[in-house]
Amino acid sequence: MAPEQPKPPAPKERAAEKLTLVQLLPNMLTVLAICAGLTAIRFGLQGSYEFAVQLIMVAAVLDGLDGRLARALKSESGMGAELDSLADFMNFGVAPALLLYTWALEDSRNFGWLAVLAYAVCAVVRLARFNVMRKSEDKAHDNAYFTGVPSPAGAMLVLLPMYLSFAFGSGPFLPDLVIAGWMVLTGFSMISRVPTWSFKTTRIPRRNVKYLLLGVALAIAAVATYAWITLAVFCVVYVAAVFVMMPRKRALTGADPHEDRP
């Protein structure tokens, strides 16, 4: 006879459960990321675009830390997962699009705002699809790859015109139509079926760890010294990596097991 499975705690018992401040740290980081994204919008409206972009970078770093910290502390929860998803939409779906709009597209015709709407809708659809796949019991999902460009990476890519402008010390020098088209293209990349490499499951041979640490140190030094040029280079390298890894993914796994999913 199979042993009786323990019953999950009742809602009242769960509500009365006490959590330590350490266990709440992941949710605190998520709330801080939301504040960073909202503050980025505020400074963008005031014309402080460089600081606004930096705040979105801070939100991306916090987004990368909160989930890993929750798993390390074993304090994962349904509320934390939903809060993280809502934060991603604010920080990577709304804030970057509004920054680009106020920076370069506000004086354009309606196509500028249509580009903002297209990007934001693509971001929320991408997050909804990710949530469905995360909750699915289908074990065939390959955690080494994302389906489509993740929303934090999409936010970093869509801001490429701003990096280039900041690097060369001038205002928007690309045509409005090009910036709007880049925004729409980035949005479509998030809802595409293109497999993009996930760093979460990457394993580094022990003998190569020293080279990785050296590379990370050089990358941080480059961002600190030549921030905008380095970020633009990162965008180009990321796009190149997507195209390089795509044939490898298809050769290893064949067709996408989720190609019939919404």
C-alpha atoms as a PDB file:
ATOM      1  CA  MET A   1       0.000   0.000   0.000  1.00  0.00           C
ATOM      2  CA  ALA A   2       1.409   3.349  -1.025  1.00  0.00           C
ATOM      3  CA  PRO A   3       2.225   5.714   1.844  1.00  0.00           C
ATOM      4  CA  GLU A   4      -0.257   8.494   2.359  1.00  0.00           C
ATOM      5  CA  GLN A   5       0.863  11.760   0.838  1.00  0.00           C
ATOM      6  CA  PRO A   6       0.989  14.765   3.204  1.00  0.00           C
ATOM      7  CA  LYS A   7      -1.814  17.205   2.623  1.00  0.00           C
ATOM      8  CA  PRO A   8      -0.907  20.736   1.559  1.00  0.00           C
ATOM      9  CA  PRO A   9      -1.428  23.345   4.270  1.00  0.00           C
ATOM     10  CA  ALA A  10      -4.852  24.946   4.393  1.00  0.00           C
ATOM     11  CA  PRO A  11      -5.107  28.577   3.197  1.00  0.00           C
ATOM     12  CA  LYS A  12      -5.536  29.821   6.764  1.00  0.00           C
ATOM     13  CA  GLU A  13      -2.497  27.862   7.957  1.00  0.00           C
ATOM     14  CA  ARG A  14      -0.453  29.158   5.047  1.00  0.00           C
ATOM     15  CA  ALA A  15      -1.531  32.741   5.749  1.00  0.00           C
ATOM     16  CA  ALA A  16      -0.468  32.347   9.382  1.00  0.00           C
ATOM     17  CA  GLU A  17       2.940  30.974   8.389  1.00  0.00           C
ATOM     18  CA  LYS A  18       5.797  33.282   9.322  1.00  0.00           C
ATOM     19  CA  LEU A  19       8.607  34.081   6.913  1.00  0.00           C
ATOM     20  CA  THR A  20      12.050  35.390   7.716  1.00  0.00           C
ATOM     21  CA  LEU A  21      13.314  38.596   6.165  1.00  0.00           C
ATOM     22  CA  VAL A  22      15.924  36.560   4.287  1.00  0.00           C
ATOM     23  CA  GLN A  23      13.159  34.523   2.632  1.00  0.00           C
ATOM     24  CA  LEU A  24      11.517  37.765   1.510  1.00  0.00           C
ATOM     25  CA  LEU A  25      14.683  39.067  -0.160  1.00  0.00           C
ATOM     26  CA  PRO A  26      13.742  37.770  -3.659  1.00  0.00           C
ATOM     27  CA  ASN A  27      10.410  39.600  -3.585  1.00  0.00           C
ATOM     28  CA  MET A  28      12.163  42.707  -2.268  1.00  0.00           C
ATOM     29  CA  LEU A  29      14.511  42.614  -5.261  1.00  0.00           C
ATOM     30  CA  THR A  30      11.524  42.272  -7.600  1.00  0.00           C
ATOM     31  CA  VAL A  31       9.825  45.299  -6.023  1.00  0.00           C
ATOM     32  CA  LEU A  32      13.079  47.256  -6.330  1.00  0.00           C
ATOM     33  CA  ALA A  33      13.209  46.308 -10.019  1.00  0.00           C
ATOM     34  CA  ILE A  34       9.662  47.642 -10.498  1.00  0.00           C
ATOM     35  CA  CYS A  35      10.653  50.887  -8.786  1.00  0.00           C
ATOM     36  CA  ALA A  36      13.706  51.141 -11.061  1.00  0.00           C
ATOM     37  CA  GLY A  37      11.550  50.673 -14.167  1.00  0.00           C
ATOM     38  CA  LEU A  38       8.976  53.236 -13.078  1.00  0.00           C
ATOM     39  CA  THR A  39      11.712  55.713 -12.133  1.00  0.00           C
ATOM     40  CA  ALA A  40      13.283  55.188 -15.569  1.00  0.00           C
ATOM     41  CA  ILE A  41      10.011  56.346 -17.117  1.00  0.00           C
ATOM     42  CA  ARG A  42       9.998  59.412 -14.860  1.00  0.00           C
ATOM     43  CA  PHE A  43      13.539  60.439 -15.804  1.00  0.00           C
ATOM     44  CA  GLY A  44      12.802  59.750 -19.458  1.00  0.00           C
ATOM     45  CA  LEU A  45       9.880  62.162 -19.315  1.00  0.00           C
ATOM     46  CA  GLN A  46      12.237  64.726 -17.764  1.00  0.00           C
ATOM     47  CA  GLY A  47      14.798  64.274 -20.542  1.00  0.00           C
ATOM     48  CA  SER A  48      17.458  62.413 -18.499  1.00  0.00           C
ATOM     49  CA  TYR A  49      17.651  59.574 -20.988  1.00  0.00           C
ATOM     50  CA  GLU A  50      21.072  58.198 -20.107  1.00  0.00           C
ATOM     51  CA  PHE A  51      20.138  57.786 -16.443  1.00  0.00           C
ATOM     52  CA  ALA A  52      16.784  56.294 -17.468  1.00  0.00           C
ATOM     53  CA  VAL A  53      18.521  53.643 -19.586  1.00  0.00           C
ATOM     54  CA  GLN A  54      20.884  52.896 -16.704  1.00  0.00           C
ATOM     55  CA  LEU A  55      17.884  52.298 -14.439  1.00  0.00           C
ATOM     56  CA  ILE A  56      16.505  49.764 -16.913  1.00  0.00           C
ATOM     57  CA  MET A  57      19.898  48.017 -16.780  1.00  0.00           C
ATOM     58  CA  VAL A  58      19.614  47.944 -12.992  1.00  0.00           C
ATOM     59  CA  ALA A  59      16.153  46.400 -13.325  1.00  0.00           C
ATOM     60  CA  ALA A  60      17.593  43.736 -15.653  1.00  0.00           C
ATOM     61  CA  VAL A  61      20.315  42.868 -13.135  1.00  0.00           C
ATOM     62  CA  LEU A  62      17.763  42.620 -10.308  1.00  0.00           C
ATOM     63  CA  ASP A  63      15.553  40.457 -12.529  1.00  0.00           C
ATOM     64  CA  GLY A  64      18.460  38.072 -13.024  1.00  0.00           C
ATOM     65  CA  LEU A  65      19.108  37.869  -9.291  1.00  0.00           C
ATOM     66  CA  ASP A  66      15.654  37.493  -7.729  1.00  0.00           C
ATOM     67  CA  GLY A  67      14.769  34.098  -9.202  1.00  0.00           C
ATOM     68  CA  ARG A  68      18.177  32.592  -8.510  1.00  0.00           C
ATOM     69  CA  LEU A  69      18.093  33.907  -4.953  1.00  0.00           C
ATOM     70  CA  ALA A  70      14.606  32.446  -4.441  1.00  0.00           C
ATOM     71  CA  ARG A  71      15.814  29.021  -5.586  1.00  0.00           C
ATOM     72  CA  ALA A  72      18.936  29.249  -3.433  1.00  0.00           C
ATOM     73  CA  LEU A  73      16.877  30.164  -0.350  1.00  0.00           C
ATOM     74  CA  LYS A  74      14.120  27.657  -1.261  1.00  0.00           C
ATOM     75  CA  SER A  75      11.573  30.451  -0.902  1.00  0.00           C
ATOM     76  CA  GLU A  76       9.928  30.114  -4.323  1.00  0.00           C
ATOM     77  CA  SER A  77       6.213  30.858  -4.355  1.00  0.00           C
ATOM     78  CA  GLY A  78       3.375  31.334  -6.805  1.00  0.00           C
ATOM     79  CA  MET A  79       3.037  34.961  -5.757  1.00  0.00           C
ATOM     80  CA  GLY A  80       6.737  35.568  -6.360  1.00  0.00           C
ATOM     81  CA  ALA A  81       6.522  34.075  -9.841  1.00  0.00           C
ATOM     82  CA  GLU A  82       3.515  36.229 -10.781  1.00  0.00           C
ATOM     83  CA  LEU A  83       5.116  39.329  -9.280  1.00  0.00           C
ATOM     84  CA  ASP A  84       8.261  38.666 -11.323  1.00  0.00           C
ATOM     85  CA  SER A  85       6.234  38.341 -14.520  1.00  0.00           C
ATOM     86  CA  LEU A  86       4.389  41.613 -13.886  1.00  0.00           C
ATOM     87  CA  ALA A  87       7.693  43.323 -13.132  1.00  0.00           C
ATOM     88  CA  ASP A  88       9.130  42.038 -16.416  1.00  0.00           C
ATOM     89  CA  PHE A  89       6.241  43.553 -18.359  1.00  0.00           C
ATOM     90  CA  MET A  90       6.694  46.904 -16.656  1.00  0.00           C
ATOM     91  CA  ASN A  91      10.478  47.020 -16.887  1.00  0.00           C
ATOM     92  CA  PHE A  92      11.061  45.383 -20.273  1.00  0.00           C
ATOM     93  CA  GLY A  93       7.755  45.819 -22.095  1.00  0.00           C
ATOM     94  CA  VAL A  94       6.580  49.295 -21.110  1.00  0.00           C
ATOM     95  CA  ALA A  95       9.568  51.330 -19.905  1.00  0.00           C
ATOM     96  CA  PRO A  96      11.902  50.831 -22.929  1.00  0.00           C
ATOM     97  CA  ALA A  97       9.122  51.511 -25.431  1.00  0.00           C
ATOM     98  CA  LEU A  98       8.073  54.729 -23.671  1.00  0.00           C
ATOM     99  CA  LEU A  99      11.702  55.865 -23.463  1.00  0.00           C
ATOM    100  CA  LEU A 100      12.186  55.406 -27.189  1.00  0.00           C
ATOM    101  CA  TYR A 101       8.904  57.172 -27.887  1.00  0.00           C
ATOM    102  CA  THR A 102       9.684  60.261 -25.803  1.00  0.00           C
ATOM    103  CA  TRP A 103      13.300  60.281 -27.040  1.00  0.00           C
ATOM    104  CA  ALA A 104      12.766  60.028 -30.783  1.00  0.00           C
ATOM    105  CA  LEU A 105       9.215  59.226 -31.881  1.00  0.00           C
ATOM    106  CA  GLU A 106       7.032  61.738 -30.062  1.00  0.00           C
ATOM    107  CA  ASP A 107       7.062  64.132 -33.007  1.00  0.00           C
ATOM    108  CA  SER A 108       6.545  61.412 -35.576  1.00  0.00           C
ATOM    109  CA  ARG A 109       3.234  60.538 -37.070  1.00  0.00           C
ATOM    110  CA  ASN A 110       1.053  57.873 -35.529  1.00  0.00           C
ATOM    111  CA  PHE A 111       3.406  55.095 -36.670  1.00  0.00           C
ATOM    112  CA  GLY A 112       5.666  55.885 -33.676  1.00  0.00           C
ATOM    113  CA  TRP A 113       2.916  55.136 -31.184  1.00  0.00           C
ATOM    114  CA  LEU A 114       1.822  52.089 -33.187  1.00  0.00           C
ATOM    115  CA  ALA A 115       5.376  50.762 -32.847  1.00  0.00           C
ATOM    116  CA  VAL A 116       5.197  51.265 -29.072  1.00  0.00           C
ATOM    117  CA  LEU A 117       1.897  49.375 -28.910  1.00  0.00           C
ATOM    118  CA  ALA A 118       3.235  46.548 -31.082  1.00  0.00           C
ATOM    119  CA  TYR A 119       6.340  46.121 -28.927  1.00  0.00           C
ATOM    120  CA  ALA A 120       4.407  46.216 -25.637  1.00  0.00           C
ATOM    121  CA  VAL A 121       1.810  43.704 -26.853  1.00  0.00           C
ATOM    122  CA  CYS A 122       4.567  41.371 -28.084  1.00  0.00           C
ATOM    123  CA  ALA A 123       6.259  41.621 -24.674  1.00  0.00           C
ATOM    124  CA  VAL A 124       3.118  40.704 -22.745  1.00  0.00           C
ATOM    125  CA  VAL A 125       2.300  37.837 -25.147  1.00  0.00           C
ATOM    126  CA  ARG A 126       5.850  36.519 -24.774  1.00  0.00           C
ATOM    127  CA  LEU A 127       5.564  36.606 -20.968  1.00  0.00           C
ATOM    128  CA  ALA A 128       2.142  34.931 -21.051  1.00  0.00           C
ATOM    129  CA  ARG A 129       3.520  32.150 -23.252  1.00  0.00           C
ATOM    130  CA  PHE A 130       6.487  31.710 -20.924  1.00  0.00           C
ATOM    131  CA  ASN A 131       4.173  31.428 -17.902  1.00  0.00           C
ATOM    132  CA  VAL A 132       2.072  28.769 -19.649  1.00  0.00           C
ATOM    133  CA  MET A 133       5.156  26.761 -20.596  1.00  0.00           C
ATOM    134  CA  ARG A 134       6.576  27.104 -17.085  1.00  0.00           C
ATOM    135  CA  LYS A 135       3.407  25.710 -15.511  1.00  0.00           C
ATOM    136  CA  SER A 136       3.089  22.932 -18.083  1.00  0.00           C
ATOM    137  CA  GLU A 137       3.834  19.368 -17.030  1.00  0.00           C
ATOM    138  CA  ASP A 138       5.376  18.656 -20.418  1.00  0.00           C
ATOM    139  CA  LYS A 139       8.886  17.479 -19.603  1.00  0.00           C
ATOM    140  CA  ALA A 140      10.003  17.617 -23.214  1.00  0.00           C
ATOM    141  CA  HIS A 141      10.787  21.315 -22.891  1.00  0.00           C
ATOM    142  CA  ASP A 142      14.488  21.989 -23.391  1.00  0.00           C
ATOM    143  CA  ASN A 143      15.607  24.323 -20.608  1.00  0.00           C
ATOM    144  CA  ALA A 144      18.859  25.021 -22.466  1.00  0.00           C
ATOM    145  CA  TYR A 145      16.933  27.213 -24.920  1.00  0.00           C
ATOM    146  CA  PHE A 146      14.216  29.817 -24.776  1.00  0.00           C
ATOM    147  CA  THR A 147      11.490  30.010 -27.402  1.00  0.00           C
ATOM    148  CA  GLY A 148      11.953  33.509 -28.756  1.00  0.00           C
ATOM    149  CA  VAL A 149      14.088  36.295 -27.330  1.00  0.00           C
ATOM    150  CA  PRO A 150      13.539  36.707 -23.542  1.00  0.00           C
ATOM    151  CA  SER A 151      11.981  40.000 -22.497  1.00  0.00           C
ATOM    152  CA  PRO A 152      15.088  41.345 -20.637  1.00  0.00           C
ATOM    153  CA  ALA A 153      17.209  40.668 -23.728  1.00  0.00           C
ATOM    154  CA  GLY A 154      14.490  42.235 -25.888  1.00  0.00           C
ATOM    155  CA  ALA A 155      14.622  45.388 -23.771  1.00  0.00           C
ATOM    156  CA  MET A 156      18.400  45.574 -24.136  1.00  0.00           C
ATOM    157  CA  LEU A 157      18.144  45.096 -27.908  1.00  0.00           C
ATOM    158  CA  VAL A 158      15.350  47.612 -28.491  1.00  0.00           C
ATOM    159  CA  LEU A 159      17.421  50.352 -26.832  1.00  0.00           C
ATOM    160  CA  LEU A 160      20.263  49.908 -29.354  1.00  0.00           C
ATOM    161  CA  PRO A 161      19.486  53.216 -31.168  1.00  0.00           C
ATOM    162  CA  MET A 162      19.920  55.039 -27.850  1.00  0.00           C
ATOM    163  CA  TYR A 163      23.268  53.348 -27.138  1.00  0.00           C
ATOM    164  CA  LEU A 164      24.583  54.420 -30.538  1.00  0.00           C
ATOM    165  CA  SER A 165      23.360  57.987 -30.035  1.00  0.00           C
ATOM    166  CA  PHE A 166      24.909  58.253 -26.563  1.00  0.00           C
ATOM    167  CA  ALA A 167      28.180  56.750 -27.796  1.00  0.00           C
ATOM    168  CA  PHE A 168      28.622  59.355 -30.509  1.00  0.00           C
ATOM    169  CA  GLY A 169      27.388  62.269 -28.401  1.00  0.00           C
ATOM    170  CA  SER A 170      24.492  63.359 -30.584  1.00  0.00           C
ATOM    171  CA  GLY A 171      20.727  63.165 -30.548  1.00  0.00           C
ATOM    172  CA  PRO A 172      18.705  60.623 -32.506  1.00  0.00           C
ATOM    173  CA  PHE A 173      20.468  60.383 -35.873  1.00  0.00           C
ATOM    174  CA  LEU A 174      18.527  57.422 -37.253  1.00  0.00           C
ATOM    175  CA  PRO A 175      15.279  58.152 -39.115  1.00  0.00           C
ATOM    176  CA  ASP A 176      12.114  57.804 -37.071  1.00  0.00           C
ATOM    177  CA  LEU A 177      10.878  55.083 -39.378  1.00  0.00           C
ATOM    178  CA  VAL A 178      14.036  53.028 -38.791  1.00  0.00           C
ATOM    179  CA  ILE A 179      13.729  53.328 -34.991  1.00  0.00           C
ATOM    180  CA  ALA A 180      10.050  52.370 -35.114  1.00  0.00           C
ATOM    181  CA  GLY A 181      10.824  49.449 -37.419  1.00  0.00           C
ATOM    182  CA  TRP A 182      13.587  48.243 -35.078  1.00  0.00           C
ATOM    183  CA  MET A 183      11.134  48.374 -32.174  1.00  0.00           C
ATOM    184  CA  VAL A 184       8.561  46.292 -34.036  1.00  0.00           C
ATOM    185  CA  LEU A 185      11.219  43.815 -35.224  1.00  0.00           C
ATOM    186  CA  THR A 186      12.491  43.354 -31.670  1.00  0.00           C
ATOM    187  CA  GLY A 187       8.940  42.794 -30.466  1.00  0.00           C
ATOM    188  CA  PHE A 188       8.371  40.128 -33.105  1.00  0.00           C
ATOM    189  CA  SER A 189      11.619  38.420 -32.090  1.00  0.00           C
ATOM    190  CA  MET A 190      10.204  37.947 -28.573  1.00  0.00           C
ATOM    191  CA  ILE A 191       7.094  36.107 -29.812  1.00  0.00           C
ATOM    192  CA  SER A 192       8.917  34.195 -32.532  1.00  0.00           C
ATOM    193  CA  ARG A 193       9.756  30.482 -32.422  1.00  0.00           C
ATOM    194  CA  VAL A 194      13.450  31.226 -32.789  1.00  0.00           C
ATOM    195  CA  PRO A 195      15.426  29.187 -30.219  1.00  0.00           C
ATOM    196  CA  THR A 196      17.675  31.441 -28.145  1.00  0.00           C
ATOM    197  CA  TRP A 197      20.380  30.168 -25.856  1.00  0.00           C
ATOM    198  CA  SER A 198      19.655  30.113 -22.111  1.00  0.00           C
ATOM    199  CA  PHE A 199      22.639  30.763 -19.876  1.00  0.00           C
ATOM    200  CA  LYS A 200      20.945  29.102 -16.888  1.00  0.00           C
ATOM    201  CA  THR A 201      21.949  25.543 -17.778  1.00  0.00           C
ATOM    202  CA  THR A 202      25.350  26.330 -19.303  1.00  0.00           C
ATOM    203  CA  ARG A 203      28.189  24.367 -17.734  1.00  0.00           C
ATOM    204  CA  ILE A 204      31.804  25.476 -17.983  1.00  0.00           C
ATOM    205  CA  PRO A 205      34.666  22.935 -17.843  1.00  0.00           C
ATOM    206  CA  ARG A 206      36.749  23.470 -14.740  1.00  0.00           C
ATOM    207  CA  ARG A 207      39.883  24.099 -16.789  1.00  0.00           C
ATOM    208  CA  ASN A 208      38.150  26.989 -18.595  1.00  0.00           C
ATOM    209  CA  VAL A 209      36.761  28.769 -15.530  1.00  0.00           C
ATOM    210  CA  LYS A 210      39.777  31.092 -15.313  1.00  0.00           C
ATOM    211  CA  TYR A 211      39.172  32.275 -18.878  1.00  0.00           C
ATOM    212  CA  LEU A 212      35.499  32.891 -18.141  1.00  0.00           C
ATOM    213  CA  LEU A 213      36.341  34.945 -15.055  1.00  0.00           C
ATOM    214  CA  LEU A 214      38.865  36.951 -17.062  1.00  0.00           C
ATOM    215  CA  GLY A 215      36.265  37.562 -19.778  1.00  0.00           C
ATOM    216  CA  VAL A 216      33.690  38.714 -17.226  1.00  0.00           C
ATOM    217  CA  ALA A 217      36.214  41.086 -15.649  1.00  0.00           C
ATOM    218  CA  LEU A 218      37.097  42.562 -19.053  1.00  0.00           C
ATOM    219  CA  ALA A 219      33.410  42.932 -19.959  1.00  0.00           C
ATOM    220  CA  ILE A 220      32.668  44.774 -16.704  1.00  0.00           C
ATOM    221  CA  ALA A 221      35.688  47.016 -17.242  1.00  0.00           C
ATOM    222  CA  ALA A 222      34.541  47.765 -20.794  1.00  0.00           C
ATOM    223  CA  VAL A 223      31.019  48.647 -19.615  1.00  0.00           C
ATOM    224  CA  ALA A 224      32.459  50.912 -16.903  1.00  0.00           C
ATOM    225  CA  THR A 225      34.829  52.645 -19.343  1.00  0.00           C
ATOM    226  CA  TYR A 226      32.986  52.662 -22.674  1.00  0.00           C
ATOM    227  CA  ALA A 227      29.466  51.877 -21.553  1.00  0.00           C
ATOM    228  CA  TRP A 228      27.391  52.711 -24.612  1.00  0.00           C
ATOM    229  CA  ILE A 229      29.760  51.342 -27.243  1.00  0.00           C
ATOM    230  CA  THR A 230      30.139  48.138 -25.207  1.00  0.00           C
ATOM    231  CA  LEU A 231      26.385  47.714 -24.876  1.00  0.00           C
ATOM    232  CA  ALA A 232      25.982  48.216 -28.626  1.00  0.00           C
ATOM    233  CA  VAL A 233      28.640  45.539 -29.230  1.00  0.00           C
ATOM    234  CA  PHE A 234      26.860  43.202 -26.800  1.00  0.00           C
ATOM    235  CA  CYS A 235      23.660  43.629 -28.826  1.00  0.00           C
ATOM    236  CA  VAL A 236      25.428  42.744 -32.068  1.00  0.00           C
ATOM    237  CA  VAL A 237      27.119  39.720 -30.457  1.00  0.00           C
ATOM    238  CA  TYR A 238      23.811  38.531 -28.996  1.00  0.00           C
ATOM    239  CA  VAL A 239      22.038  38.711 -32.355  1.00  0.00           C
ATOM    240  CA  ALA A 240      24.960  36.903 -33.998  1.00  0.00           C
ATOM    241  CA  ALA A 241      24.848  34.206 -31.303  1.00  0.00           C
ATOM    242  CA  VAL A 242      21.126  33.644 -31.949  1.00  0.00           C
ATOM    243  CA  PHE A 243      21.788  33.000 -35.638  1.00  0.00           C
ATOM    244  CA  VAL A 244      24.798  30.787 -34.884  1.00  0.00           C
ATOM    245  CA  MET A 245      22.999  28.651 -32.282  1.00  0.00           C
ATOM    246  CA  MET A 246      19.789  28.256 -34.290  1.00  0.00           C
ATOM    247  CA  PRO A 247      21.071  25.544 -36.701  1.00  0.00           C
ATOM    248  CA  ARG A 248      22.732  23.722 -33.808  1.00  0.00           C
ATOM    249  CA  LYS A 249      19.492  23.624 -31.817  1.00  0.00           C
ATOM    250  CA  ARG A 250      17.517  22.307 -34.790  1.00  0.00           C
ATOM    251  CA  ALA A 251      20.177  19.694 -35.558  1.00  0.00           C
ATOM    252  CA  LEU A 252      20.152  18.418 -31.981  1.00  0.00           C
ATOM    253  CA  THR A 253      16.431  18.390 -31.272  1.00  0.00           C
ATOM    254  CA  GLY A 254      14.662  18.614 -34.617  1.00  0.00           C
ATOM    255  CA  ALA A 255      11.433  20.620 -34.736  1.00  0.00           C
ATOM    256  CA  ASP A 256      10.409  22.751 -31.811  1.00  0.00           C
ATOM    257  CA  PRO A 257       8.255  20.568 -29.484  1.00  0.00           C
ATOM    258  CA  HIS A 258       6.144  23.604 -28.665  1.00  0.00           C
ATOM    259  CA  GLU A 259       5.521  24.856 -32.171  1.00  0.00           C
ATOM    260  CA  ASP A 260       1.781  24.199 -31.841  1.00  0.00           C
ATOM    261  CA  ARG A 261       1.480  26.155 -28.628  1.00  0.00           C
ATOM    262  CA  PRO A 262       0.059  29.674 -28.435  1.00  0.00           C
END
